[in-house]
Amino acid sequence: NCASLLNNDFSTSLNVDAKPFVPNVHAAEFIPTFRPKGSTETAEPTAVAPPVENGDAEMAAGDTWEQKGSEPSQAEAEPGGDGGQAEEDSPQEEGMEEEEEVVPTPKVVPTQPNAPKKEHVNVVFIGHVDAGKSTIGGQIMYLTGMVDKRTLEKYEREAKEKNRETWYLSWALDTNQEERDKGKTVEVGRAYFETEKKHFTILDAPGHKSFVPNMIGGASQADLAVLVISARKGEFETGFEKGGQTREHAMLAKTAGVKHLIVLVNKMDDPTVNWSLERYEECKEKLVPFLKKVGFNPRKDVHFMPCSGLTGANLKEPAEYCPWYIGLPFIPHLDSLPNFNRSSDGPVRLPIVDKYKDMGTVILGKLESGSISKAQQLVMMPNRHTVEVLSLLSDDVETDDASPGENLKLRLKGIEEEEILPGFILCNAENLCHTGRTFDAQIVIIEHKSIICPGYNAVLHIHTCIEEVQITALICLVDKKTGDKSKTRPRFVKQDQVCIARLRTAGTICLETFKDFPQMGRFTLRDEGKTIAIGKVLKLVAEKD
């Protein structure tokens, strides 16, 4: 017994020594920062939206917000495209804990203080459960030096012990125990990597239908979506048929304002596929008509490429087994995309995704418009608190000023953490964001078995805000093909119809019209775990005293 005890002690001490360095101390300090409290809405199981005939105003990747905002006529002519931005919960900011891994190899910190800032691009990974989103994210972090080899070897050993060898890469993004045990992402993971020209934030969205609200929250912050589909026999079909998340995720990404979609056909190395061009083309042929229906322009907005997340083939270097694919691999392709022309002259708009206490009040969110600098005075809407910016972190690197598109963490003075809710907006005093409870909107009913009449209640997701809403009146129906409005008020609307309706929220919310500010004028309506409608705000209605 004594000998075995000694041996046990000896082996455990060996194990401790053999562990690669992972800065748990840092992780403990960072986790409150990266893992805000869960979502404000209970994650609802979500069903797939059937094909939506909602063309959106099509946009090339390089189009500006301003151009998008100035094209209401086109968007109205193709009613569905307005989209509902689904907003959600804080969760998406949360998965940031992967930063643990980032700490040991801080290659991202800009080295030359005078170097021009790289463009920030937020990339959301979406798709059906088990398509390989987290694995691809982990592989990209390894290939770009954000996770070192020793950390991955540690994950590989731990995964092997649990008979989960193929999951180890996803552990770079799925960092809590529940996600690792079940192999399912729950909250939106977050990490970053850099290329020669750009700085990317990865948002790793959950694929399971129960966590669609979290996925919507991730998509609402993204400039670019990567739809991951599995080429493995049977898996693609499961994800794409009714009940799979491939369709709903593509639709929600479009309605959340994502302009450019990259479709990664993953698991090409699977024995059932073996880098087969026929299988790749088959997946492509089934997807293109659907993406077109959702509002993407297959020629300008969508790019297909084969890859293997597990082996890393065609992510950074071209895959030798795949001579028929002649485009750039994934990371160089991201680097070559045209810039998103964002105007830093616009009014400050920062929808809050989450908040927490840490030596003061800290808020998280993506700066949609305007620029923010240290010591600036801003106003928190809708409760009109004046606040001062004490410090500013962009992707956890301290900075003095930030421009649109950056994911920020702001420490504020002049407001308590409990006075802030996700969905509040930080604005400049000269140009406050609009607030109210009643608005007119054009909505497209995507999936609803029965009819919808005035008095119908649902959950509204608009930018990062979630609020109960009631349809108080139906104003007119809109013809999908011509855009003509009916002369009489409809008594009800049903699936696949487009109407203009008056909506009233339970509490006061911040919102803008789609024409003035697309990102804060799109919304989705959800009920019983399904996305039932998408829409755009046409006008705000003043409250009657």
Protein backbone atom coordinates (compact mmCIF):
# COMPACT_ATOMS: atom_id res chain seq x y z
CA ASN A 1 0.00 0.00 0.00
CA CYS A 2 2.75 2.41 0.93
CA ALA A 3 4.57 1.65 -2.29
CA SER A 4 1.45 2.15 -4.40
CA LEU A 5 0.70 5.40 -2.59
CA LEU A 6 4.21 6.61 -3.29
CA ASN A 7 3.86 5.59 -6.92
CA ASN A 8 0.56 7.44 -7.18
CA ASP A 9 2.03 10.58 -5.70
CA PHE A 10 5.02 10.28 -7.94
CA SER A 11 2.88 9.83 -11.09
CA THR A 12 0.61 12.72 -10.23
CA SER A 13 3.56 15.01 -9.66
CA LEU A 14 4.93 13.87 -12.99
CA ASN A 15 1.64 14.68 -14.65
CA VAL A 16 1.62 18.12 -13.14
CA ASP A 17 5.10 18.77 -14.41
CA ALA A 18 4.31 17.43 -17.83
CA LYS A 19 1.32 19.74 -18.34
CA PRO A 20 1.92 22.46 -20.89
CA PHE A 21 1.71 25.95 -19.53
CA VAL A 22 -1.87 27.24 -19.66
CA PRO A 23 -2.31 30.42 -17.65
CA ASN A 24 -5.26 29.39 -15.49
CA VAL A 25 -4.71 32.35 -13.25
CA HIS A 26 -5.31 34.60 -16.20
CA ALA A 27 -8.23 32.54 -17.28
CA ALA A 28 -9.84 32.96 -13.88
CA GLU A 29 -9.40 36.70 -14.07
CA PHE A 30 -10.64 36.87 -17.63
CA ILE A 31 -13.66 34.64 -17.44
CA PRO A 32 -15.96 37.28 -15.90
CA THR A 33 -14.85 39.49 -18.73
CA PHE A 34 -15.55 37.01 -21.45
CA ARG A 35 -18.49 35.13 -20.06
CA PRO A 36 -21.23 37.53 -19.25
CA LYS A 37 -24.31 36.17 -17.64
CA GLY A 38 -26.51 34.05 -19.85
CA SER A 39 -29.05 35.28 -22.22
CA THR A 40 -32.00 37.34 -21.20
CA GLU A 41 -34.31 35.14 -23.20
CA THR A 42 -34.60 31.50 -22.40
CA ALA A 43 -33.10 29.63 -25.29
CA GLU A 44 -36.07 28.45 -27.20
CA PRO A 45 -36.04 25.41 -29.42
CA THR A 46 -36.30 26.66 -32.94
CA ALA A 47 -37.71 25.14 -36.01
CA VAL A 48 -36.55 25.76 -39.47
CA ALA A 49 -37.97 28.45 -41.56
CA PRO A 50 -39.34 27.19 -44.82
CA PRO A 51 -38.08 28.81 -47.96
CA VAL A 52 -38.60 32.50 -47.75
CA GLU A 53 -39.27 34.32 -50.91
CA ASN A 54 -37.66 37.41 -49.68
CA GLY A 55 -35.11 38.86 -51.95
CA ASP A 56 -33.09 41.48 -50.18
CA ALA A 57 -31.62 44.53 -51.70
CA GLU A 58 -28.56 42.75 -52.97
CA MET A 59 -25.27 44.04 -51.89
CA ALA A 60 -21.76 43.38 -52.93
CA ALA A 61 -19.34 42.78 -50.11
CA GLY A 62 -17.84 46.22 -50.49
CA ASP A 63 -21.11 48.16 -50.38
CA THR A 64 -21.38 50.67 -47.61
CA TRP A 65 -24.03 50.94 -44.93
CA GLU A 66 -24.95 54.29 -46.39
CA GLN A 67 -25.64 52.80 -49.82
CA LYS A 68 -27.70 50.08 -48.22
CA GLY A 69 -29.68 52.60 -46.25
CA SER A 70 -30.35 54.71 -49.31
CA GLU A 71 -31.96 51.93 -51.29
CA PRO A 72 -35.28 51.48 -49.57
CA SER A 73 -37.15 51.37 -52.83
CA GLN A 74 -35.36 48.24 -53.96
CA ALA A 75 -35.72 46.60 -50.58
CA GLU A 76 -39.39 47.46 -50.52
CA ALA A 77 -39.91 46.11 -53.98
CA GLU A 78 -38.57 42.82 -52.77
CA PRO A 79 -40.37 42.84 -49.52
CA GLY A 80 -38.85 40.03 -47.64
CA GLY A 81 -35.35 41.19 -47.71
CA ASP A 82 -35.63 43.52 -44.99
CA GLY A 83 -34.89 41.41 -42.52
CA GLY A 84 -35.26 40.89 -39.07
CA GLN A 85 -32.36 41.28 -37.27
CA ALA A 86 -32.45 38.83 -34.80
CA GLU A 87 -31.02 40.01 -31.75
CA GLU A 88 -30.33 38.37 -28.83
CA ASP A 89 -28.93 37.75 -25.90
CA SER A 90 -25.74 38.47 -24.57
CA PRO A 91 -24.61 35.05 -25.15
CA GLN A 92 -22.81 35.78 -28.11
CA GLU A 93 -20.33 37.95 -26.48
CA GLU A 94 -19.82 35.31 -24.19
CA GLY A 95 -17.95 32.52 -25.59
CA MET A 96 -15.01 34.68 -25.40
CA GLU A 97 -13.22 32.54 -23.10
CA GLU A 98 -11.09 31.13 -25.74
CA GLU A 99 -8.94 33.98 -24.96
CA GLU A 100 -7.36 31.61 -22.45
CA GLU A 101 -5.53 30.05 -25.29
CA VAL A 102 -4.69 33.36 -26.80
CA VAL A 103 -2.84 34.54 -23.77
CA PRO A 104 0.21 32.30 -24.15
CA THR A 105 0.88 33.44 -27.70
CA PRO A 106 -0.04 37.12 -27.82
CA LYS A 107 0.93 37.55 -31.45
CA VAL A 108 -2.08 39.69 -32.10
CA VAL A 109 -0.99 42.71 -30.16
CA PRO A 110 0.05 45.36 -32.66
CA THR A 111 3.78 45.76 -32.53
CA GLN A 112 4.31 49.09 -34.25
CA PRO A 113 2.46 51.82 -32.37
CA ASN A 114 2.36 54.05 -35.46
CA ALA A 115 1.19 51.37 -37.88
CA PRO A 116 -2.19 52.11 -39.48
CA LYS A 117 -5.01 50.18 -37.83
CA LYS A 118 -6.01 47.02 -39.65
CA GLU A 119 -9.61 46.72 -40.71
CA HIS A 120 -11.71 44.80 -38.17
CA VAL A 121 -13.96 42.13 -39.65
CA ASN A 122 -16.38 40.05 -37.58
CA VAL A 123 -16.87 36.55 -38.98
CA VAL A 124 -19.70 34.37 -37.66
CA PHE A 125 -19.52 30.58 -38.18
CA ILE A 126 -23.04 29.22 -38.68
CA GLY A 127 -24.57 25.93 -39.79
CA HIS A 128 -26.17 22.72 -38.62
CA VAL A 129 -25.06 21.01 -35.40
CA ASP A 130 -21.95 18.81 -35.94
CA ALA A 131 -21.01 20.39 -39.28
CA GLY A 132 -17.59 21.23 -37.79
CA LYS A 133 -17.83 24.96 -36.98
CA SER A 134 -15.85 24.88 -33.70
CA THR A 135 -13.25 22.49 -35.15
CA ILE A 136 -12.62 24.84 -38.11
CA GLY A 137 -12.39 27.78 -35.67
CA GLY A 138 -9.83 25.92 -33.53
CA GLN A 139 -7.84 24.89 -36.61
CA ILE A 140 -7.73 28.52 -37.85
CA MET A 141 -6.50 29.69 -34.44
CA TYR A 142 -3.74 27.07 -34.58
CA LEU A 143 -2.76 27.90 -38.19
CA THR A 144 -2.55 31.63 -37.41
CA GLY A 145 -0.53 31.07 -34.23
CA MET A 146 -3.25 32.07 -31.77
CA VAL A 147 -3.13 28.67 -30.00
CA ASP A 148 0.24 27.03 -29.56
CA LYS A 149 1.03 23.40 -30.35
CA ARG A 150 1.53 22.43 -26.70
CA THR A 151 -1.95 23.63 -25.74
CA LEU A 152 -3.47 21.63 -28.60
CA GLU A 153 -1.47 18.53 -27.62
CA LYS A 154 -2.89 18.88 -24.10
CA TYR A 155 -6.42 19.07 -25.51
CA GLU A 156 -5.70 16.08 -27.71
CA ARG A 157 -4.58 14.00 -24.71
CA GLU A 158 -7.61 15.05 -22.66
CA ALA A 159 -10.00 14.37 -25.56
CA LYS A 160 -8.45 10.93 -26.09
CA GLU A 161 -9.04 10.06 -22.44
CA LYS A 162 -12.75 10.76 -23.01
CA ASN A 163 -12.79 8.84 -26.34
CA ARG A 164 -13.37 12.09 -28.20
CA GLU A 165 -10.17 12.29 -30.24
CA THR A 166 -11.72 14.21 -33.13
CA TRP A 167 -13.11 16.94 -30.86
CA TYR A 168 -9.86 18.36 -29.54
CA LEU A 169 -9.64 21.30 -31.99
CA SER A 170 -13.10 22.53 -31.04
CA TRP A 171 -11.95 22.80 -27.41
CA ALA A 172 -10.05 25.96 -28.31
CA LEU A 173 -13.49 27.61 -28.69
CA ASP A 174 -15.79 25.39 -26.61
CA THR A 175 -14.15 26.03 -23.29
CA ASN A 176 -16.72 25.11 -20.67
CA GLN A 177 -17.10 21.58 -19.41
CA GLU A 178 -20.68 21.06 -20.59
CA GLU A 179 -19.80 22.02 -24.17
CA ARG A 180 -16.79 19.71 -24.15
CA ASP A 181 -18.64 16.75 -22.65
CA LYS A 182 -21.55 16.93 -25.06
CA GLY A 183 -19.62 18.15 -28.10
CA LYS A 184 -22.20 20.91 -28.58
CA THR A 185 -21.53 24.64 -28.63
CA VAL A 186 -24.09 26.48 -26.47
CA GLU A 187 -22.85 30.04 -26.27
CA VAL A 188 -21.19 31.98 -29.04
CA GLY A 189 -17.45 31.34 -28.80
CA ARG A 190 -15.10 34.19 -29.51
CA ALA A 191 -11.49 34.43 -30.61
CA TYR A 192 -9.40 36.54 -32.93
CA PHE A 193 -6.67 36.15 -35.50
CA GLU A 194 -4.82 38.44 -37.88
CA THR A 195 -3.79 38.26 -41.50
CA GLU A 196 -1.49 40.64 -43.35
CA LYS A 197 -4.25 43.16 -44.04
CA LYS A 198 -7.07 42.49 -41.59
CA HIS A 199 -7.93 41.74 -37.97
CA PHE A 200 -10.67 39.09 -37.65
CA THR A 201 -12.95 38.26 -34.74
CA ILE A 202 -14.33 34.71 -34.94
CA LEU A 203 -17.86 34.30 -33.56
CA ASP A 204 -18.53 30.56 -33.25
CA ALA A 205 -22.34 30.21 -33.18
CA PRO A 206 -24.16 27.18 -31.77
CA GLY A 207 -25.77 24.92 -34.39
CA HIS A 208 -28.38 23.27 -32.18
CA LYS A 209 -31.95 24.46 -32.71
CA SER A 210 -32.43 25.03 -28.97
CA PHE A 211 -29.82 27.79 -29.02
CA VAL A 212 -30.94 29.79 -32.05
CA PRO A 213 -31.40 32.95 -29.93
CA ASN A 214 -27.68 32.78 -29.10
CA MET A 215 -26.86 32.24 -32.78
CA ILE A 216 -28.96 35.28 -33.75
CA GLY A 217 -27.03 37.38 -31.26
CA GLY A 218 -23.74 36.29 -32.85
CA ALA A 219 -24.98 36.95 -36.37
CA SER A 220 -26.14 40.44 -35.40
CA GLN A 221 -22.53 41.46 -34.78
CA ALA A 222 -21.06 39.91 -37.91
CA ASP A 223 -19.96 41.52 -41.17
CA LEU A 224 -19.39 38.21 -42.85
CA ALA A 225 -20.92 34.76 -42.34
CA VAL A 226 -19.27 31.40 -42.94
CA LEU A 227 -21.91 28.72 -43.48
CA VAL A 228 -20.30 25.38 -42.63
CA ILE A 229 -21.94 22.33 -44.21
CA SER A 230 -20.81 18.72 -43.88
CA ALA A 231 -20.18 16.83 -47.13
CA ARG A 232 -20.39 13.48 -45.30
CA LYS A 233 -23.07 11.22 -46.77
CA GLY A 234 -26.32 11.77 -44.87
CA GLU A 235 -25.05 14.70 -42.77
CA PHE A 236 -25.54 17.33 -45.46
CA GLU A 237 -29.05 16.04 -46.16
CA THR A 238 -29.98 16.08 -42.44
CA GLY A 239 -28.80 19.67 -42.05
CA PHE A 240 -30.53 20.90 -45.19
CA GLU A 241 -33.90 19.12 -44.98
CA LYS A 242 -36.79 20.58 -43.01
CA GLY A 243 -35.82 20.44 -39.36
CA GLY A 244 -32.10 21.01 -40.02
CA GLN A 245 -30.47 24.32 -39.13
CA THR A 246 -28.65 25.01 -42.43
CA ARG A 247 -31.68 26.77 -43.90
CA GLU A 248 -32.67 28.74 -40.83
CA HIS A 249 -29.12 29.91 -40.12
CA ALA A 250 -28.64 31.16 -43.68
CA MET A 251 -31.92 33.06 -43.48
CA LEU A 252 -31.20 34.56 -40.05
CA ALA A 253 -27.71 35.64 -41.15
CA LYS A 254 -29.22 37.49 -44.11
CA THR A 255 -31.84 39.18 -41.98
CA ALA A 256 -29.23 40.14 -39.37
CA GLY A 257 -27.53 42.22 -42.05
CA VAL A 258 -24.71 39.91 -43.13
CA LYS A 259 -23.78 40.95 -46.66
CA HIS A 260 -21.30 38.29 -47.74
CA LEU A 261 -21.51 34.52 -47.27
CA ILE A 262 -18.72 31.96 -47.61
CA VAL A 263 -19.97 28.37 -47.79
CA LEU A 264 -17.33 25.96 -46.46
CA VAL A 265 -18.04 22.40 -47.60
CA ASN A 266 -16.35 20.65 -44.67
CA LYS A 267 -15.38 16.98 -44.03
CA MET A 268 -14.22 16.54 -47.65
CA ASP A 269 -11.60 14.09 -46.27
CA ASP A 270 -14.32 11.76 -44.94
CA PRO A 271 -14.12 8.22 -46.41
CA THR A 272 -17.67 8.61 -47.81
CA VAL A 273 -16.56 11.71 -49.76
CA ASN A 274 -12.83 11.41 -50.39
CA TRP A 275 -12.52 14.88 -52.01
CA SER A 276 -15.14 13.97 -54.61
CA LEU A 277 -16.00 16.80 -57.01
CA GLU A 278 -19.39 15.16 -57.67
CA ARG A 279 -20.38 15.36 -53.99
CA TYR A 280 -19.17 18.98 -53.75
CA GLU A 281 -21.22 19.96 -56.80
CA GLU A 282 -24.26 18.09 -55.45
CA CYS A 283 -24.19 20.10 -52.18
CA LYS A 284 -23.69 23.29 -54.15
CA GLU A 285 -26.61 22.62 -56.52
CA LYS A 286 -29.00 22.05 -53.62
CA LEU A 287 -27.89 25.14 -51.69
CA VAL A 288 -27.75 27.79 -54.42
CA PRO A 289 -31.51 28.01 -55.15
CA PHE A 290 -32.25 28.28 -51.43
CA LEU A 291 -29.64 31.00 -50.82
CA LYS A 292 -31.09 32.90 -53.78
CA LYS A 293 -34.55 32.70 -52.22
CA VAL A 294 -33.25 34.04 -48.92
CA GLY A 295 -31.85 37.11 -50.69
CA PHE A 296 -28.16 36.40 -51.37
CA ASN A 297 -26.91 36.99 -54.91
CA PRO A 298 -25.07 33.74 -55.75
CA ARG A 299 -22.74 35.52 -58.18
CA LYS A 300 -21.68 38.43 -55.98
CA ASP A 301 -22.41 37.55 -52.36
CA VAL A 302 -21.69 33.83 -52.07
CA HIS A 303 -18.39 31.94 -52.41
CA PHE A 304 -18.13 28.13 -52.11
CA MET A 305 -14.96 26.25 -51.13
CA PRO A 306 -14.09 22.69 -50.04
CA CYS A 307 -12.06 22.09 -46.88
CA SER A 308 -11.33 19.75 -44.00
CA GLY A 309 -11.45 21.30 -40.54
CA LEU A 310 -9.83 18.29 -38.88
CA THR A 311 -6.76 18.16 -41.12
CA GLY A 312 -6.72 21.90 -41.95
CA ALA A 313 -6.66 21.18 -45.71
CA ASN A 314 -7.52 24.24 -47.82
CA LEU A 315 -7.80 26.54 -44.81
CA LYS A 316 -4.39 28.18 -45.08
CA GLU A 317 -2.59 26.20 -47.79
CA PRO A 318 -4.15 24.69 -50.95
CA ALA A 319 -5.17 21.03 -50.52
CA GLU A 320 -3.09 18.61 -52.59
CA TYR A 321 -5.99 16.13 -52.82
CA CYS A 322 -8.18 18.72 -54.42
CA PRO A 323 -6.61 19.79 -57.74
CA TRP A 324 -10.06 20.68 -59.15
CA TYR A 325 -10.48 23.63 -56.75
CA ILE A 326 -8.53 26.56 -58.20
CA GLY A 327 -9.59 29.40 -55.86
CA LEU A 328 -7.67 30.73 -52.85
CA PRO A 329 -7.71 28.75 -49.57
CA PHE A 330 -9.98 30.10 -46.82
CA ILE A 331 -7.67 32.45 -44.84
CA PRO A 332 -6.06 34.07 -47.94
CA HIS A 333 -9.58 34.42 -49.41
CA LEU A 334 -10.74 36.29 -46.29
CA ASP A 335 -7.71 38.56 -46.57
CA SER A 336 -8.46 39.33 -50.22
CA LEU A 337 -12.07 40.47 -49.67
CA PRO A 338 -12.79 44.14 -50.38
CA ASN A 339 -12.99 46.46 -47.36
CA PHE A 340 -16.31 47.22 -45.71
CA ASN A 341 -16.52 50.97 -46.20
CA ARG A 342 -17.68 52.16 -42.84
CA SER A 343 -18.14 55.82 -42.09
CA SER A 344 -16.69 57.00 -38.81
CA ASP A 345 -18.38 60.39 -39.30
CA GLY A 346 -21.87 59.08 -38.48
CA PRO A 347 -23.60 59.35 -35.10
CA VAL A 348 -22.27 57.06 -32.34
CA ARG A 349 -24.37 53.89 -32.07
CA LEU A 350 -23.18 51.05 -29.85
CA PRO A 351 -25.90 48.46 -29.03
CA ILE A 352 -25.02 46.80 -25.71
CA VAL A 353 -24.71 43.03 -25.75
CA ASP A 354 -23.79 42.56 -22.11
CA LYS A 355 -22.57 44.28 -18.98
CA TYR A 356 -20.80 43.33 -15.73
CA LYS A 357 -18.99 44.86 -12.78
CA ASP A 358 -15.20 44.99 -12.77
CA MET A 359 -13.74 47.98 -10.94
CA GLY A 360 -16.69 49.96 -12.26
CA THR A 361 -19.26 49.26 -14.93
CA VAL A 362 -18.08 47.44 -18.06
CA ILE A 363 -20.20 47.05 -21.20
CA LEU A 364 -19.64 44.91 -24.32
CA GLY A 365 -20.84 45.57 -27.85
CA LYS A 366 -19.96 46.19 -31.48
CA LEU A 367 -19.65 49.81 -32.57
CA GLU A 368 -22.08 50.08 -35.49
CA SER A 369 -21.45 53.72 -36.38
CA GLY A 370 -19.36 56.73 -35.36
CA SER A 371 -16.11 56.68 -33.40
CA ILE A 372 -15.46 56.57 -29.66
CA SER A 373 -12.41 57.82 -27.79
CA LYS A 374 -11.18 57.73 -24.21
CA ALA A 375 -12.69 60.35 -21.83
CA GLN A 376 -15.55 61.01 -24.27
CA GLN A 377 -18.97 61.95 -22.83
CA LEU A 378 -21.79 59.78 -24.19
CA VAL A 379 -25.47 59.20 -23.41
CA MET A 380 -27.04 55.83 -22.55
CA MET A 381 -30.46 55.47 -24.17
CA PRO A 382 -33.31 54.99 -23.47
CA ASN A 383 -32.79 56.18 -19.86
CA ARG A 384 -30.68 59.20 -20.88
CA HIS A 385 -27.79 58.72 -18.41
CA THR A 386 -24.71 60.77 -19.27
CA VAL A 387 -21.60 58.58 -18.97
CA GLU A 388 -17.86 59.01 -19.47
CA VAL A 389 -15.58 56.46 -21.14
CA LEU A 390 -12.82 55.62 -18.65
CA SER A 391 -11.07 52.96 -20.74
CA LEU A 392 -11.54 51.28 -24.08
CA LEU A 393 -10.55 47.76 -25.15
CA SER A 394 -10.87 46.53 -28.70
CA ASP A 395 -10.66 42.71 -28.74
CA ASP A 396 -8.93 42.95 -25.35
CA VAL A 397 -6.17 45.27 -26.54
CA GLU A 398 -6.32 48.66 -24.82
CA THR A 399 -6.72 51.55 -27.24
CA ASP A 400 -7.48 55.30 -27.12
CA ASP A 401 -10.08 55.37 -29.86
CA ALA A 402 -12.25 52.97 -31.83
CA SER A 403 -13.87 53.05 -35.24
CA PRO A 404 -17.01 51.31 -36.60
CA GLY A 405 -16.97 47.52 -36.82
CA GLU A 406 -14.82 46.97 -33.73
CA ASN A 407 -15.91 44.77 -30.82
CA LEU A 408 -15.42 46.89 -27.75
CA LYS A 409 -15.30 46.63 -24.02
CA LEU A 410 -15.88 50.03 -22.39
CA ARG A 411 -15.45 50.91 -18.72
CA LEU A 412 -17.96 53.65 -17.94
CA LYS A 413 -18.22 56.26 -15.20
CA GLY A 414 -21.54 57.75 -14.12
CA ILE A 415 -23.79 54.69 -14.32
CA GLU A 416 -24.31 51.55 -12.25
CA GLU A 417 -24.21 48.09 -13.82
CA GLU A 418 -27.80 47.34 -12.73
CA GLU A 419 -29.07 50.44 -14.59
CA ILE A 420 -28.04 48.94 -17.95
CA LEU A 421 -29.82 46.21 -19.92
CA PRO A 422 -28.75 44.42 -23.11
CA GLY A 423 -30.41 46.31 -25.96
CA PHE A 424 -29.61 49.76 -24.56
CA ILE A 425 -27.68 52.00 -26.95
CA LEU A 426 -24.70 54.26 -26.33
CA CYS A 427 -25.02 57.48 -28.41
CA ASN A 428 -23.48 60.93 -28.59
CA ALA A 429 -25.49 63.76 -26.97
CA GLU A 430 -25.80 65.73 -30.25
CA ASN A 431 -27.51 62.85 -32.07
CA LEU A 432 -29.56 60.64 -29.79
CA CYS A 433 -31.03 57.39 -30.97
CA HIS A 434 -34.83 57.21 -31.34
CA THR A 435 -36.83 55.48 -28.64
CA GLY A 436 -40.45 54.46 -28.43
CA ARG A 437 -42.95 51.64 -28.13
CA THR A 438 -45.09 51.90 -31.27
CA PHE A 439 -43.88 51.60 -34.85
CA ASP A 440 -45.08 50.62 -38.32
CA ALA A 441 -43.13 47.83 -40.04
CA GLN A 442 -43.18 45.71 -43.13
CA ILE A 443 -43.12 42.05 -42.12
CA VAL A 444 -42.88 38.77 -44.01
CA ILE A 445 -44.52 35.77 -42.38
CA ILE A 446 -42.05 32.94 -42.82
CA GLU A 447 -43.47 30.08 -40.81
CA HIS A 448 -46.75 30.06 -38.94
CA LYS A 449 -49.30 27.29 -39.15
CA SER A 450 -52.40 29.37 -38.42
CA ILE A 451 -53.41 32.93 -39.28
CA ILE A 452 -52.08 36.03 -37.49
CA CYS A 453 -54.61 38.68 -36.42
CA PRO A 454 -54.32 41.97 -34.51
CA GLY A 455 -53.66 41.15 -30.84
CA TYR A 456 -51.05 38.49 -31.68
CA ASN A 457 -48.07 38.48 -29.27
CA ALA A 458 -44.48 37.43 -30.07
CA VAL A 459 -40.88 38.10 -29.01
CA LEU A 460 -39.15 40.87 -30.95
CA HIS A 461 -35.38 40.68 -31.59
CA ILE A 462 -34.02 43.99 -32.86
CA HIS A 463 -30.24 44.72 -32.76
CA THR A 464 -29.25 43.41 -29.28
CA CYS A 465 -32.67 44.04 -27.75
CA ILE A 466 -35.28 41.40 -26.90
CA GLU A 467 -38.76 42.59 -25.99
CA GLU A 468 -42.32 41.32 -26.02
CA VAL A 469 -44.36 42.83 -28.81
CA GLN A 470 -47.98 42.83 -29.92
CA ILE A 471 -49.32 43.34 -33.45
CA THR A 472 -51.96 45.99 -32.72
CA ALA A 473 -53.20 46.57 -36.29
CA LEU A 474 -52.75 45.22 -39.82
CA ILE A 475 -52.53 48.18 -42.22
CA CYS A 476 -52.30 46.54 -45.64
CA LEU A 477 -50.97 43.55 -47.58
CA VAL A 478 -48.05 43.98 -49.96
CA ASP A 479 -47.87 42.09 -53.25
CA LYS A 480 -44.58 40.17 -53.28
CA LYS A 481 -43.95 40.54 -56.98
CA THR A 482 -45.11 44.10 -57.71
CA GLY A 483 -44.82 45.73 -54.30
CA ASP A 484 -48.40 47.08 -54.65
CA LYS A 485 -50.29 47.71 -51.42
CA SER A 486 -53.88 46.55 -50.87
CA LYS A 487 -56.55 49.27 -50.59
CA THR A 488 -58.40 47.57 -47.74
CA ARG A 489 -57.17 46.51 -44.33
CA PRO A 490 -56.68 42.73 -44.11
CA ARG A 491 -58.41 40.93 -41.22
CA PHE A 492 -55.49 38.49 -40.92
CA VAL A 493 -52.19 37.45 -42.56
CA LYS A 494 -50.83 33.96 -43.09
CA GLN A 495 -47.61 32.19 -44.02
CA ASP A 496 -45.66 33.57 -47.01
CA GLN A 497 -47.64 36.83 -47.06
CA VAL A 498 -46.09 40.27 -46.70
CA CYS A 499 -47.92 42.99 -44.80
CA ILE A 500 -47.46 46.38 -43.19
CA ALA A 501 -48.52 46.29 -39.54
CA ARG A 502 -48.43 48.44 -36.43
CA LEU A 503 -46.52 46.91 -33.52
CA ARG A 504 -46.33 47.94 -29.88
CA THR A 505 -43.66 46.73 -27.46
CA ALA A 506 -44.20 46.05 -23.76
CA GLY A 507 -41.51 48.57 -22.76
CA THR A 508 -39.68 51.47 -24.38
CA ILE A 509 -36.91 50.33 -26.73
CA CYS A 510 -34.26 52.00 -28.89
CA LEU A 511 -34.77 51.65 -32.63
CA GLU A 512 -34.29 53.47 -35.94
CA THR A 513 -36.05 53.19 -39.27
CA PHE A 514 -34.51 50.75 -41.74
CA LYS A 515 -34.06 53.58 -44.24
CA ASP A 516 -31.98 55.69 -41.82
CA PHE A 517 -30.07 52.91 -40.11
CA PRO A 518 -30.44 49.38 -41.54
CA GLN A 519 -28.62 47.67 -38.69
CA MET A 520 -31.05 49.05 -36.10
CA GLY A 521 -34.17 48.80 -38.25
CA ARG A 522 -34.21 45.06 -39.01
CA PHE A 523 -35.90 42.63 -36.68
CA THR A 524 -37.21 39.10 -36.31
CA LEU A 525 -40.34 37.91 -34.54
CA ARG A 526 -40.10 34.59 -32.75
CA ASP A 527 -42.74 32.50 -31.04
CA GLU A 528 -42.72 29.01 -29.52
CA GLY A 529 -39.10 28.52 -30.47
CA LYS A 530 -39.56 29.33 -34.15
CA THR A 531 -38.66 32.35 -36.23
CA ILE A 532 -42.10 33.26 -37.50
CA ALA A 533 -41.43 36.56 -39.30
CA ILE A 534 -38.74 39.00 -40.35
CA GLY A 535 -39.28 42.69 -40.91
CA LYS A 536 -38.02 46.24 -41.19
CA VAL A 537 -39.10 49.37 -39.35
CA LEU A 538 -40.77 51.83 -41.71
CA LYS A 539 -41.74 54.62 -39.34
CA LEU A 540 -41.86 55.42 -35.64
CA VAL A 541 -45.24 56.43 -34.22
CA ALA A 542 -45.42 59.07 -31.50
CA GLU A 543 -47.14 57.98 -28.28
CA LYS A 544 -50.56 59.47 -27.57
CA ASP A 545 -50.70 60.98 -24.10
